[in-house]
């Protein structure tokens, strides 16, 4: 029994690291980061949390399945990020002081982007909806589950800090972060699924 549990734990750890590596490799072209993120969440929940036996197959299945929608969604976030960064650069070149209201406000506007991206890509991994609908539900989930959203922001910041302090272990962190985040995200997605009358369909694909 102990050997069986140890084997299960080691298998889960290997899957977590491997899926994180797949995410990093598939995100290298940058334009594919959205599809890779949706695929990471999909395969992490199905394979690590629900014992689907083929993590690589699950990852690339989700990558192909969500490629178009996830890429369009990522381009929306990337455009918003670029606009925000350009605003900050423009204010700096105009001589606006770093601690001024405009500088602070422009940075605050960027804060919701990573949080909205997390909720939106997790939602997209579960539902085949247009980008506009995904964004709407991303905002809805982030606001309705504001406590979980705060926790997700803390987890993002913590992993970013660890990556900065210990860059040698950074490749191991994407999978672990995704798994950690799923414990906050999954209850909200399952409740949403139940409200739409398809609570367990995704797990039984």
C-alpha atoms as a PDB file:
ATOM      1  CA  UNK A   1       0.000   0.000   0.000  1.00  0.00           C
ATOM      2  CA  UNK A   2       2.812   2.409   0.905  1.00  0.00           C
ATOM      3  CA  UNK A   3       4.618   1.611  -2.360  1.00  0.00           C
ATOM      4  CA  UNK A   4       1.384   2.226  -4.287  1.00  0.00           C
ATOM      5  CA  UNK A   5       0.903   5.634  -2.660  1.00  0.00           C
ATOM      6  CA  UNK A   6       4.553   6.527  -3.220  1.00  0.00           C
ATOM      7  CA  UNK A   7       4.262   5.539  -6.879  1.00  0.00           C
ATOM      8  CA  UNK A   8       1.138   7.692  -7.257  1.00  0.00           C
ATOM      9  CA  UNK A   9       2.886  10.689  -5.679  1.00  0.00           C
ATOM     10  CA  UNK A  10       5.992  10.300  -7.840  1.00  0.00           C
ATOM     11  CA  UNK A  11       3.861   9.917 -10.975  1.00  0.00           C
ATOM     12  CA  UNK A  12       1.936  13.082 -10.109  1.00  0.00           C
ATOM     13  CA  UNK A  13       5.169  15.014  -9.503  1.00  0.00           C
ATOM     14  CA  UNK A  14       6.596  13.862 -12.832  1.00  0.00           C
ATOM     15  CA  UNK A  15       3.373  14.851 -14.613  1.00  0.00           C
ATOM     16  CA  UNK A  16       3.395  18.292 -12.963  1.00  0.00           C
ATOM     17  CA  UNK A  17       6.963  18.983 -14.070  1.00  0.00           C
ATOM     18  CA  UNK A  18       6.454  17.499 -17.541  1.00  0.00           C
ATOM     19  CA  UNK A  19       3.284  19.477 -18.245  1.00  0.00           C
ATOM     20  CA  UNK A  20       5.034  22.647 -17.091  1.00  0.00           C
ATOM     21  CA  UNK A  21       7.885  21.932 -19.500  1.00  0.00           C
ATOM     22  CA  UNK A  22       5.409  21.337 -22.342  1.00  0.00           C
ATOM     23  CA  UNK A  23       3.789  24.685 -21.518  1.00  0.00           C
ATOM     24  CA  UNK A  24       7.145  26.478 -21.594  1.00  0.00           C
ATOM     25  CA  UNK A  25       8.178  24.885 -24.906  1.00  0.00           C
ATOM     26  CA  UNK A  26       4.828  25.580 -26.569  1.00  0.00           C
ATOM     27  CA  UNK A  27       4.883  29.181 -25.291  1.00  0.00           C
ATOM     28  CA  UNK A  28       8.267  29.988 -26.857  1.00  0.00           C
ATOM     29  CA  UNK A  29       6.789  31.423 -30.089  1.00  0.00           C
ATOM     30  CA  UNK A  30       4.904  33.868 -27.757  1.00  0.00           C
ATOM     31  CA  UNK A  31       1.898  33.916 -30.097  1.00  0.00           C
ATOM     32  CA  UNK A  32       1.004  30.406 -28.851  1.00  0.00           C
ATOM     33  CA  UNK A  33       1.155  31.278 -25.147  1.00  0.00           C
ATOM     34  CA  UNK A  34      -2.643  31.433 -24.881  1.00  0.00           C
ATOM     35  CA  UNK A  35      -3.194  27.994 -26.383  1.00  0.00           C
ATOM     36  CA  UNK A  36      -0.419  26.568 -24.200  1.00  0.00           C
ATOM     37  CA  UNK A  37      -1.975  28.086 -21.067  1.00  0.00           C
ATOM     38  CA  UNK A  38      -5.425  26.660 -21.791  1.00  0.00           C
ATOM     39  CA  UNK A  39      -3.830  23.281 -22.541  1.00  0.00           C
ATOM     40  CA  UNK A  40      -1.808  23.360 -19.317  1.00  0.00           C
ATOM     41  CA  UNK A  41      -4.889  23.973 -17.181  1.00  0.00           C
ATOM     42  CA  UNK A  42      -6.921  21.339 -19.053  1.00  0.00           C
ATOM     43  CA  UNK A  43      -4.284  18.617 -18.768  1.00  0.00           C
ATOM     44  CA  UNK A  44      -3.264  19.497 -15.201  1.00  0.00           C
ATOM     45  CA  UNK A  45      -6.784  19.128 -13.858  1.00  0.00           C
ATOM     46  CA  UNK A  46      -7.653  16.019 -15.887  1.00  0.00           C
ATOM     47  CA  UNK A  47      -4.375  14.155 -15.447  1.00  0.00           C
ATOM     48  CA  UNK A  48      -2.977  15.192 -12.080  1.00  0.00           C
ATOM     49  CA  UNK A  49      -6.199  15.809 -10.173  1.00  0.00           C
ATOM     50  CA  UNK A  50      -8.455  13.288 -11.945  1.00  0.00           C
ATOM     51  CA  UNK A  51      -5.991  10.549 -12.962  1.00  0.00           C
ATOM     52  CA  UNK A  52      -6.367  10.731 -16.742  1.00  0.00           C
ATOM     53  CA  UNK A  53      -3.510   8.438 -17.819  1.00  0.00           C
ATOM     54  CA  UNK A  54      -2.013  10.301 -20.811  1.00  0.00           C
ATOM     55  CA  UNK A  55      -0.853  13.836 -19.890  1.00  0.00           C
ATOM     56  CA  UNK A  56       1.012  14.459 -23.147  1.00  0.00           C
ATOM     57  CA  UNK A  57      -1.987  13.399 -25.226  1.00  0.00           C
ATOM     58  CA  UNK A  58      -4.322  15.495 -23.079  1.00  0.00           C
ATOM     59  CA  UNK A  59      -2.085  18.553 -23.380  1.00  0.00           C
ATOM     60  CA  UNK A  60      -1.799  18.483 -27.161  1.00  0.00           C
ATOM     61  CA  UNK A  61      -5.454  17.580 -27.587  1.00  0.00           C
ATOM     62  CA  UNK A  62      -6.411  20.704 -25.647  1.00  0.00           C
ATOM     63  CA  UNK A  63      -3.748  22.735 -27.467  1.00  0.00           C
ATOM     64  CA  UNK A  64      -5.253  21.860 -30.850  1.00  0.00           C
ATOM     65  CA  UNK A  65      -8.836  22.124 -29.647  1.00  0.00           C
ATOM     66  CA  UNK A  66      -8.424  25.619 -28.160  1.00  0.00           C
ATOM     67  CA  UNK A  67      -5.767  27.002 -30.503  1.00  0.00           C
ATOM     68  CA  UNK A  68      -7.889  29.487 -32.440  1.00  0.00           C
ATOM     69  CA  UNK A  69      -9.925  30.843 -29.519  1.00  0.00           C
ATOM     70  CA  UNK A  70      -6.987  30.906 -27.110  1.00  0.00           C
ATOM     71  CA  UNK A  71      -4.744  32.673 -29.624  1.00  0.00           C
ATOM     72  CA  UNK A  72      -7.359  35.375 -30.289  1.00  0.00           C
ATOM     73  CA  UNK A  73      -7.874  35.771 -26.554  1.00  0.00           C
ATOM     74  CA  UNK A  74      -4.134  36.053 -25.949  1.00  0.00           C
ATOM     75  CA  UNK A  75      -3.828  38.714 -28.658  1.00  0.00           C
ATOM     76  CA  UNK A  76      -6.498  40.749 -26.850  1.00  0.00           C
ATOM     77  CA  UNK A  77      -4.539  40.562 -23.584  1.00  0.00           C
ATOM     78  CA  UNK A  78      -1.258  41.250 -25.359  1.00  0.00           C
ATOM     79  CA  UNK A  79      -2.703  44.340 -27.037  1.00  0.00           C
ATOM     80  CA  UNK A  80      -4.029  45.625 -23.709  1.00  0.00           C
ATOM     81  CA  UNK A  81      -0.637  44.999 -22.094  1.00  0.00           C
ATOM     82  CA  UNK A  82       1.181  46.842 -24.886  1.00  0.00           C
ATOM     83  CA  UNK A  83      -1.154  49.834 -24.589  1.00  0.00           C
ATOM     84  CA  UNK A  84      -0.590  49.960 -20.823  1.00  0.00           C
ATOM     85  CA  UNK A  85       3.188  49.741 -21.144  1.00  0.00           C
ATOM     86  CA  UNK A  86       3.247  52.373 -23.897  1.00  0.00           C
ATOM     87  CA  UNK A  87       1.241  54.695 -21.645  1.00  0.00           C
ATOM     88  CA  UNK A  88       3.810  54.300 -18.872  1.00  0.00           C
ATOM     89  CA  UNK A  89       6.683  54.908 -21.301  1.00  0.00           C
ATOM     90  CA  UNK A  90       4.912  57.956 -22.748  1.00  0.00           C
ATOM     91  CA  UNK A  91       4.342  59.439 -19.301  1.00  0.00           C
ATOM     92  CA  UNK A  92       8.025  58.930 -18.484  1.00  0.00           C
ATOM     93  CA  UNK A  93       9.140  60.668 -21.663  1.00  0.00           C
ATOM     94  CA  UNK A  94       6.758  63.527 -20.955  1.00  0.00           C
ATOM     95  CA  UNK A  95       8.529  64.070 -17.655  1.00  0.00           C
ATOM     96  CA  UNK A  96       5.650  62.869 -15.483  1.00  0.00           C
ATOM     97  CA  UNK A  97       7.037  61.918 -12.058  1.00  0.00           C
ATOM     98  CA  UNK A  98       7.058  58.219 -11.180  1.00  0.00           C
ATOM     99  CA  UNK A  99       4.938  58.743  -8.064  1.00  0.00           C
ATOM    100  CA  UNK A 100       2.346  60.922  -9.757  1.00  0.00           C
ATOM    101  CA  UNK A 101      -1.298  59.993 -10.089  1.00  0.00           C
ATOM    102  CA  UNK A 102      -1.015  59.283 -13.841  1.00  0.00           C
ATOM    103  CA  UNK A 103       1.927  56.932 -13.383  1.00  0.00           C
ATOM    104  CA  UNK A 104       0.298  55.080 -10.496  1.00  0.00           C
ATOM    105  CA  UNK A 105      -3.071  54.906 -12.278  1.00  0.00           C
ATOM    106  CA  UNK A 106      -1.519  53.483 -15.456  1.00  0.00           C
ATOM    107  CA  UNK A 107       0.176  50.747 -13.437  1.00  0.00           C
ATOM    108  CA  UNK A 108      -2.996  49.947 -11.477  1.00  0.00           C
ATOM    109  CA  UNK A 109      -4.850  49.460 -14.760  1.00  0.00           C
ATOM    110  CA  UNK A 110      -2.397  46.676 -15.647  1.00  0.00           C
ATOM    111  CA  UNK A 111      -2.979  44.722 -12.421  1.00  0.00           C
ATOM    112  CA  UNK A 112      -6.268  43.029 -13.435  1.00  0.00           C
ATOM    113  CA  UNK A 113      -4.806  41.706 -16.706  1.00  0.00           C
ATOM    114  CA  UNK A 114      -2.957  38.642 -15.343  1.00  0.00           C
ATOM    115  CA  UNK A 115      -5.891  37.804 -13.087  1.00  0.00           C
ATOM    116  CA  UNK A 116      -8.411  38.104 -15.914  1.00  0.00           C
ATOM    117  CA  UNK A 117      -6.121  35.997 -18.111  1.00  0.00           C
ATOM    118  CA  UNK A 118      -5.980  33.227 -15.501  1.00  0.00           C
ATOM    119  CA  UNK A 119      -9.768  33.015 -15.174  1.00  0.00           C
ATOM    120  CA  UNK A 120     -10.352  33.359 -18.921  1.00  0.00           C
ATOM    121  CA  UNK A 121      -7.918  30.654 -20.052  1.00  0.00           C
ATOM    122  CA  UNK A 122      -9.199  28.281 -17.383  1.00  0.00           C
ATOM    123  CA  UNK A 123     -12.761  28.944 -18.573  1.00  0.00           C
ATOM    124  CA  UNK A 124     -11.741  28.451 -22.205  1.00  0.00           C
ATOM    125  CA  UNK A 125     -10.213  25.081 -21.364  1.00  0.00           C
ATOM    126  CA  UNK A 126     -13.654  23.969 -20.215  1.00  0.00           C
ATOM    127  CA  UNK A 127     -16.095  25.723 -22.583  1.00  0.00           C
ATOM    128  CA  UNK A 128     -16.068  26.220 -26.333  1.00  0.00           C
ATOM    129  CA  UNK A 129     -17.311  29.819 -26.491  1.00  0.00           C
ATOM    130  CA  UNK A 130     -16.473  32.910 -28.582  1.00  0.00           C
ATOM    131  CA  UNK A 131     -13.733  35.199 -27.258  1.00  0.00           C
ATOM    132  CA  UNK A 132     -16.251  37.883 -26.277  1.00  0.00           C
ATOM    133  CA  UNK A 133     -18.155  35.372 -24.141  1.00  0.00           C
ATOM    134  CA  UNK A 134     -14.947  34.047 -22.580  1.00  0.00           C
ATOM    135  CA  UNK A 135     -13.900  37.562 -21.589  1.00  0.00           C
ATOM    136  CA  UNK A 136     -17.330  38.279 -20.127  1.00  0.00           C
ATOM    137  CA  UNK A 137     -17.244  35.136 -18.009  1.00  0.00           C
ATOM    138  CA  UNK A 138     -13.618  35.817 -17.076  1.00  0.00           C
ATOM    139  CA  UNK A 139     -14.642  39.155 -15.585  1.00  0.00           C
ATOM    140  CA  UNK A 140     -17.705  37.573 -13.961  1.00  0.00           C
ATOM    141  CA  UNK A 141     -15.687  34.786 -12.334  1.00  0.00           C
ATOM    142  CA  UNK A 142     -12.937  37.134 -11.152  1.00  0.00           C
ATOM    143  CA  UNK A 143     -15.405  39.531  -9.514  1.00  0.00           C
ATOM    144  CA  UNK A 144     -17.842  36.963  -8.146  1.00  0.00           C
ATOM    145  CA  UNK A 145     -15.026  34.916  -6.630  1.00  0.00           C
ATOM    146  CA  UNK A 146     -13.043  37.897  -5.376  1.00  0.00           C
ATOM    147  CA  UNK A 147     -11.510  36.050  -2.427  1.00  0.00           C
ATOM    148  CA  UNK A 148     -10.129  33.379  -4.739  1.00  0.00           C
ATOM    149  CA  UNK A 149      -8.973  36.145  -7.086  1.00  0.00           C
ATOM    150  CA  UNK A 150      -6.940  37.765  -4.322  1.00  0.00           C
ATOM    151  CA  UNK A 151      -5.395  34.402  -3.520  1.00  0.00           C
ATOM    152  CA  UNK A 152      -4.557  33.863  -7.201  1.00  0.00           C
ATOM    153  CA  UNK A 153      -2.823  37.252  -7.343  1.00  0.00           C
ATOM    154  CA  UNK A 154      -0.812  36.337  -4.255  1.00  0.00           C
ATOM    155  CA  UNK A 155       0.186  32.993  -5.815  1.00  0.00           C
ATOM    156  CA  UNK A 156       1.232  34.715  -9.053  1.00  0.00           C
ATOM    157  CA  UNK A 157       3.319  37.249  -7.146  1.00  0.00           C
ATOM    158  CA  UNK A 158       4.886  34.542  -4.975  1.00  0.00           C
ATOM    159  CA  UNK A 159       5.935  32.411  -7.942  1.00  0.00           C
ATOM    160  CA  UNK A 160       7.289  35.495  -9.727  1.00  0.00           C
ATOM    161  CA  UNK A 161       9.383  36.292  -6.637  1.00  0.00           C
ATOM    162  CA  UNK A 162      10.648  32.713  -6.359  1.00  0.00           C
ATOM    163  CA  UNK A 163      11.564  32.727 -10.068  1.00  0.00           C
ATOM    164  CA  UNK A 164      13.518  35.953  -9.563  1.00  0.00           C
ATOM    165  CA  UNK A 165      15.331  34.732  -6.442  1.00  0.00           C
ATOM    166  CA  UNK A 166      15.898  31.159  -7.682  1.00  0.00           C
ATOM    167  CA  UNK A 167      15.945  31.259 -11.490  1.00  0.00           C
ATOM    168  CA  UNK A 168      17.480  27.790 -11.626  1.00  0.00           C
ATOM    169  CA  UNK A 169      14.178  26.228 -10.494  1.00  0.00           C
ATOM    170  CA  UNK A 170      11.949  28.452 -12.648  1.00  0.00           C
ATOM    171  CA  UNK A 171      11.259  25.672 -15.209  1.00  0.00           C
ATOM    172  CA  UNK A 172       9.678  23.590 -12.437  1.00  0.00           C
ATOM    173  CA  UNK A 173       7.231  26.292 -11.377  1.00  0.00           C
ATOM    174  CA  UNK A 174       4.593  26.653 -14.175  1.00  0.00           C
ATOM    175  CA  UNK A 175       3.067  23.238 -13.566  1.00  0.00           C
ATOM    176  CA  UNK A 176       3.117  23.653  -9.785  1.00  0.00           C
ATOM    177  CA  UNK A 177       1.523  27.105 -10.051  1.00  0.00           C
ATOM    178  CA  UNK A 178      -1.208  25.836 -12.372  1.00  0.00           C
ATOM    179  CA  UNK A 179      -2.013  22.963 -10.004  1.00  0.00           C
ATOM    180  CA  UNK A 180      -2.083  25.313  -7.013  1.00  0.00           C
ATOM    181  CA  UNK A 181      -4.362  27.744  -8.821  1.00  0.00           C
ATOM    182  CA  UNK A 182      -6.744  24.979  -9.837  1.00  0.00           C
ATOM    183  CA  UNK A 183      -7.781  24.513  -6.195  1.00  0.00           C
ATOM    184  CA  UNK A 184      -9.181  28.054  -6.254  1.00  0.00           C
ATOM    185  CA  UNK A 185     -10.536  27.952  -9.807  1.00  0.00           C
ATOM    186  CA  UNK A 186     -12.138  24.507 -10.012  1.00  0.00           C
ATOM    187  CA  UNK A 187     -14.935  25.066  -7.463  1.00  0.00           C
ATOM    188  CA  UNK A 188     -16.033  28.166  -9.380  1.00  0.00           C
ATOM    189  CA  UNK A 189     -15.918  26.395 -12.759  1.00  0.00           C
ATOM    190  CA  UNK A 190     -17.770  23.368 -11.451  1.00  0.00           C
ATOM    191  CA  UNK A 191     -20.477  25.594  -9.991  1.00  0.00           C
ATOM    192  CA  UNK A 192     -20.757  27.356 -13.341  1.00  0.00           C
ATOM    193  CA  UNK A 193     -20.901  24.004 -15.129  1.00  0.00           C
ATOM    194  CA  UNK A 194     -23.627  22.796 -12.800  1.00  0.00           C
ATOM    195  CA  UNK A 195     -25.628  25.940 -13.479  1.00  0.00           C
ATOM    196  CA  UNK A 196     -25.468  25.128 -17.191  1.00  0.00           C
ATOM    197  CA  UNK A 197     -26.536  21.524 -16.674  1.00  0.00           C
ATOM    198  CA  UNK A 198     -23.241  19.860 -17.597  1.00  0.00           C
ATOM    199  CA  UNK A 199     -21.464  19.501 -14.271  1.00  0.00           C
ATOM    200  CA  UNK A 200     -19.453  16.348 -14.952  1.00  0.00           C
ATOM    201  CA  UNK A 201     -19.317  16.132 -18.743  1.00  0.00           C
ATOM    202  CA  UNK A 202     -15.865  17.687 -19.002  1.00  0.00           C
ATOM    203  CA  UNK A 203     -14.319  15.164 -16.636  1.00  0.00           C
ATOM    204  CA  UNK A 204     -15.788  12.244 -18.545  1.00  0.00           C
ATOM    205  CA  UNK A 205     -14.600  13.238 -22.031  1.00  0.00           C
END
